[in-house]
N, C-alpha and C. Protein backbone atom coordinates (compact mmCIF):
# COMPACT_ATOMS: atom_id res chain seq x y z
N MET A 1 123.60 -4.64 42.59
CA MET A 1 124.94 -3.91 42.13
C MET A 1 125.55 -3.22 43.50
N ILE A 2 124.82 -2.54 44.15
CA ILE A 2 125.32 -1.71 45.41
C ILE A 2 125.74 -2.65 46.46
N HIS A 3 125.04 -3.90 46.64
CA HIS A 3 125.42 -4.75 47.64
C HIS A 3 126.60 -5.54 47.32
N THR A 4 126.88 -5.56 45.99
CA THR A 4 128.17 -6.37 45.57
C THR A 4 129.19 -5.49 45.73
N LEU A 5 129.12 -4.06 45.54
CA LEU A 5 130.30 -3.20 45.73
C LEU A 5 130.43 -2.90 47.35
N MET A 6 129.39 -2.98 48.16
CA MET A 6 129.55 -2.93 49.40
C MET A 6 130.23 -4.19 49.95
N THR A 7 130.14 -5.28 49.45
CA THR A 7 130.71 -6.58 49.85
C THR A 7 132.27 -6.42 49.48
N PHE A 8 132.57 -5.92 48.31
CA PHE A 8 133.80 -5.69 47.95
C PHE A 8 134.54 -4.92 48.58
N PHE A 9 134.03 -3.68 49.07
CA PHE A 9 134.73 -2.61 49.88
C PHE A 9 134.93 -3.07 51.05
N LEU A 10 133.90 -3.95 51.63
CA LEU A 10 134.27 -4.59 53.13
C LEU A 10 135.28 -5.52 53.13
N TYR A 11 135.42 -6.46 52.19
CA TYR A 11 136.51 -7.32 52.00
C TYR A 11 137.82 -6.75 51.84
N CYS A 12 137.76 -5.65 51.05
CA CYS A 12 138.87 -4.67 50.84
C CYS A 12 139.42 -4.18 52.25
N THR A 13 138.55 -3.66 52.91
CA THR A 13 138.90 -3.00 54.29
C THR A 13 139.41 -4.21 55.21
N ILE A 14 138.87 -5.38 55.17
CA ILE A 14 139.12 -6.26 56.16
C ILE A 14 140.70 -6.69 55.74
N PHE A 15 140.81 -7.10 54.37
CA PHE A 15 142.30 -7.53 54.07
C PHE A 15 143.17 -6.45 54.20
N ASN A 16 143.12 -5.12 54.11
CA ASN A 16 144.05 -4.17 54.31
C ASN A 16 144.25 -3.88 55.65
N TYR A 17 143.14 -4.08 56.76
CA TYR A 17 143.51 -4.02 58.10
C TYR A 17 144.00 -5.03 58.62
N VAL A 18 144.16 -6.33 58.00
CA VAL A 18 144.98 -7.42 58.34
C VAL A 18 146.29 -7.16 57.86
N MET A 19 146.46 -6.55 56.76
CA MET A 19 147.78 -6.44 56.19
C MET A 19 148.46 -5.31 57.09
N VAL A 20 147.90 -4.31 57.41
CA VAL A 20 148.49 -3.15 58.38
C VAL A 20 148.86 -3.80 59.69
N THR A 21 148.11 -4.72 60.29
CA THR A 21 148.16 -5.29 61.46
C THR A 21 149.36 -6.20 61.49
N VAL A 22 149.48 -7.02 60.50
CA VAL A 22 150.63 -7.77 60.29
C VAL A 22 152.02 -7.15 59.98
N TRP A 23 151.96 -5.91 59.38
CA TRP A 23 153.03 -5.04 59.26
C TRP A 23 153.55 -4.41 60.62
N PHE A 24 152.54 -3.98 61.52
CA PHE A 24 152.89 -3.60 62.88
C PHE A 24 153.45 -4.62 63.67
N VAL A 25 152.86 -5.81 63.48
CA VAL A 25 153.33 -6.92 64.57
C VAL A 25 154.57 -7.37 64.06
N TRP A 26 154.93 -7.38 62.87
CA TRP A 26 156.18 -7.85 62.24
C TRP A 26 157.30 -6.78 62.66
N PHE A 27 156.87 -5.47 62.51
CA PHE A 27 157.84 -4.30 62.92
C PHE A 27 158.14 -4.41 64.50
N TYR A 28 157.07 -4.70 65.21
CA TYR A 28 157.24 -4.63 66.75
C TYR A 28 158.14 -5.70 67.29
N PHE A 29 157.84 -7.00 66.66
CA PHE A 29 158.62 -8.18 67.19
C PHE A 29 159.96 -8.41 66.48
N ASN A 30 160.14 -7.79 65.36
CA ASN A 30 161.26 -8.02 64.62
C ASN A 30 162.14 -6.63 64.36
N HIS A 31 161.95 -5.65 65.26
CA HIS A 31 162.56 -4.36 64.98
C HIS A 31 164.08 -4.37 64.52
N ASP A 32 164.87 -5.03 65.41
CA ASP A 32 166.01 -5.28 65.05
C ASP A 32 166.64 -5.76 63.75
N ALA A 33 166.06 -7.05 63.42
CA ALA A 33 166.27 -7.55 62.22
C ALA A 33 165.67 -6.73 61.06
N LEU A 34 164.64 -5.94 61.05
CA LEU A 34 164.25 -5.21 59.88
C LEU A 34 165.11 -4.08 59.73
N TYR A 35 165.72 -3.44 60.91
CA TYR A 35 166.58 -2.40 60.92
C TYR A 35 167.63 -2.71 60.30
N ARG A 36 168.40 -3.80 60.64
CA ARG A 36 169.69 -4.42 60.01
C ARG A 36 169.40 -4.49 58.52
N LEU A 37 168.35 -4.92 57.99
CA LEU A 37 167.97 -5.37 56.76
C LEU A 37 167.99 -4.13 55.77
N HIS A 38 167.25 -3.17 56.51
CA HIS A 38 167.32 -1.88 55.78
C HIS A 38 168.50 -1.04 55.76
N THR A 39 169.11 -1.02 56.80
CA THR A 39 170.38 -0.41 56.74
C THR A 39 171.42 -0.83 55.88
N ARG A 40 171.22 -1.98 55.34
CA ARG A 40 172.04 -2.53 54.12
C ARG A 40 172.04 -1.64 53.03
N TRP A 41 170.79 -1.08 52.55
CA TRP A 41 170.73 -0.40 51.48
C TRP A 41 170.59 1.22 51.82
N PHE A 42 170.31 1.55 53.02
CA PHE A 42 170.10 3.03 53.12
C PHE A 42 170.69 3.23 54.42
N LYS A 43 171.16 4.55 54.67
CA LYS A 43 171.81 5.03 55.73
C LYS A 43 170.71 5.80 56.69
N LEU A 44 170.35 4.86 57.63
CA LEU A 44 169.25 5.54 58.51
C LEU A 44 169.67 5.15 59.98
N THR A 45 169.25 6.20 60.74
CA THR A 45 169.42 6.05 62.25
C THR A 45 168.17 5.13 62.57
N VAL A 46 168.09 4.72 63.91
CA VAL A 46 167.32 3.89 64.41
C VAL A 46 165.95 5.02 64.48
N GLU A 47 166.02 6.22 64.91
CA GLU A 47 164.96 7.11 65.02
C GLU A 47 164.52 7.41 63.54
N GLN A 48 165.16 7.46 62.46
CA GLN A 48 164.69 7.86 61.30
C GLN A 48 163.99 6.48 60.82
N PHE A 49 164.53 5.27 61.06
CA PHE A 49 163.87 4.03 60.53
C PHE A 49 162.50 3.99 61.21
N ASP A 50 162.31 4.15 62.63
CA ASP A 50 161.19 4.09 63.39
C ASP A 50 159.98 5.07 62.97
N MET A 51 160.54 6.34 62.65
CA MET A 51 159.80 7.43 61.90
C MET A 51 159.08 7.02 60.71
N LEU A 52 160.07 6.34 59.70
CA LEU A 52 159.60 5.95 58.50
C LEU A 52 158.43 4.82 58.50
N MET A 53 158.82 3.81 59.55
CA MET A 53 157.85 2.74 59.69
C MET A 53 156.68 3.13 60.31
N TYR A 54 156.62 3.96 61.17
CA TYR A 54 155.27 4.34 61.99
C TYR A 54 154.54 5.40 60.85
N GLY A 55 155.22 6.29 60.13
CA GLY A 55 154.75 7.11 59.04
C GLY A 55 154.15 6.37 57.90
N GLY A 56 154.71 5.18 57.61
CA GLY A 56 154.21 4.27 56.50
C GLY A 56 152.91 3.67 57.14
N ILE A 57 152.99 3.15 58.28
CA ILE A 57 151.74 2.58 58.87
C ILE A 57 150.60 3.45 58.84
N GLY A 58 150.97 4.63 59.31
CA GLY A 58 149.89 5.88 59.27
C GLY A 58 149.22 6.08 57.92
N LEU A 59 150.18 6.26 57.07
CA LEU A 59 149.73 6.61 55.80
C LEU A 59 148.93 5.48 55.14
N TYR A 60 149.23 4.14 55.31
CA TYR A 60 148.37 3.10 54.79
C TYR A 60 147.13 3.10 55.56
N LYS A 61 147.23 3.24 56.74
CA LYS A 61 145.69 3.32 57.50
C LYS A 61 144.84 4.38 56.78
N LEU A 62 145.60 5.61 56.70
CA LEU A 62 144.76 6.81 56.05
C LEU A 62 144.37 6.28 54.64
N GLY A 63 145.14 5.83 53.93
CA GLY A 63 144.68 5.23 52.60
C GLY A 63 143.52 4.12 52.77
N VAL A 64 143.55 3.36 53.62
CA VAL A 64 142.55 2.36 53.71
C VAL A 64 141.14 3.08 54.16
N LEU A 65 141.18 4.19 54.94
CA LEU A 65 140.08 4.97 55.29
C LEU A 65 139.61 5.77 54.20
N LEU A 66 140.57 6.37 53.38
CA LEU A 66 140.00 7.04 52.28
C LEU A 66 139.43 6.29 51.12
N PHE A 67 140.03 5.21 50.74
CA PHE A 67 139.79 4.42 49.61
C PHE A 67 139.03 3.29 49.73
N ASN A 68 138.74 2.76 51.09
CA ASN A 68 137.93 1.51 51.15
C ASN A 68 136.84 1.85 52.35
N VAL A 69 137.05 2.62 53.48
CA VAL A 69 136.08 2.84 54.30
C VAL A 69 135.04 3.89 53.99
N ALA A 70 135.49 4.68 53.48
CA ALA A 70 134.65 6.07 52.88
C ALA A 70 133.65 5.62 51.94
N PRO A 71 134.22 4.79 50.79
CA PRO A 71 133.13 4.48 49.70
C PRO A 71 132.08 3.38 50.41
N LEU A 72 132.72 2.63 51.25
CA LEU A 72 131.82 1.67 51.84
C LEU A 72 130.61 2.42 52.83
N LEU A 73 131.07 3.48 53.50
CA LEU A 73 130.05 4.23 54.09
C LEU A 73 129.01 4.82 53.26
N ALA A 74 129.58 5.55 52.23
CA ALA A 74 128.71 6.06 51.28
C ALA A 74 127.78 5.22 50.59
N LEU A 75 128.10 4.08 50.21
CA LEU A 75 127.26 2.91 49.69
C LEU A 75 126.25 2.49 50.70
N TRP A 76 126.61 2.47 51.80
CA TRP A 76 125.76 2.11 53.04
C TRP A 76 124.72 3.20 53.23
N LEU A 77 125.12 4.42 53.04
CA LEU A 77 124.05 5.50 53.29
C LEU A 77 123.12 5.63 52.05
N ILE A 78 123.36 5.28 51.00
CA ILE A 78 122.50 5.27 49.76
C ILE A 78 121.78 4.10 49.77
N ASP A 79 122.06 3.12 50.49
CA ASP A 79 121.38 1.80 50.24
C ASP A 79 120.05 1.94 50.98
């Protein structure tokens, strides 16, 4: 049972880090297109847009650490 949970959290961690990497790469290489897309709906300056994107990426990474990596380490320690 513990090994199944460890495998689950490991795959969740890998999947989520792939997702945040794709998000960052997409943001980095398509900054202007993403900014134009989002300013159709919201009044944002470039600085606000960048802050929201970097803040979102940081919050996502924090959530991955809290909800995926921490349980994985806890299960690894008790195994």
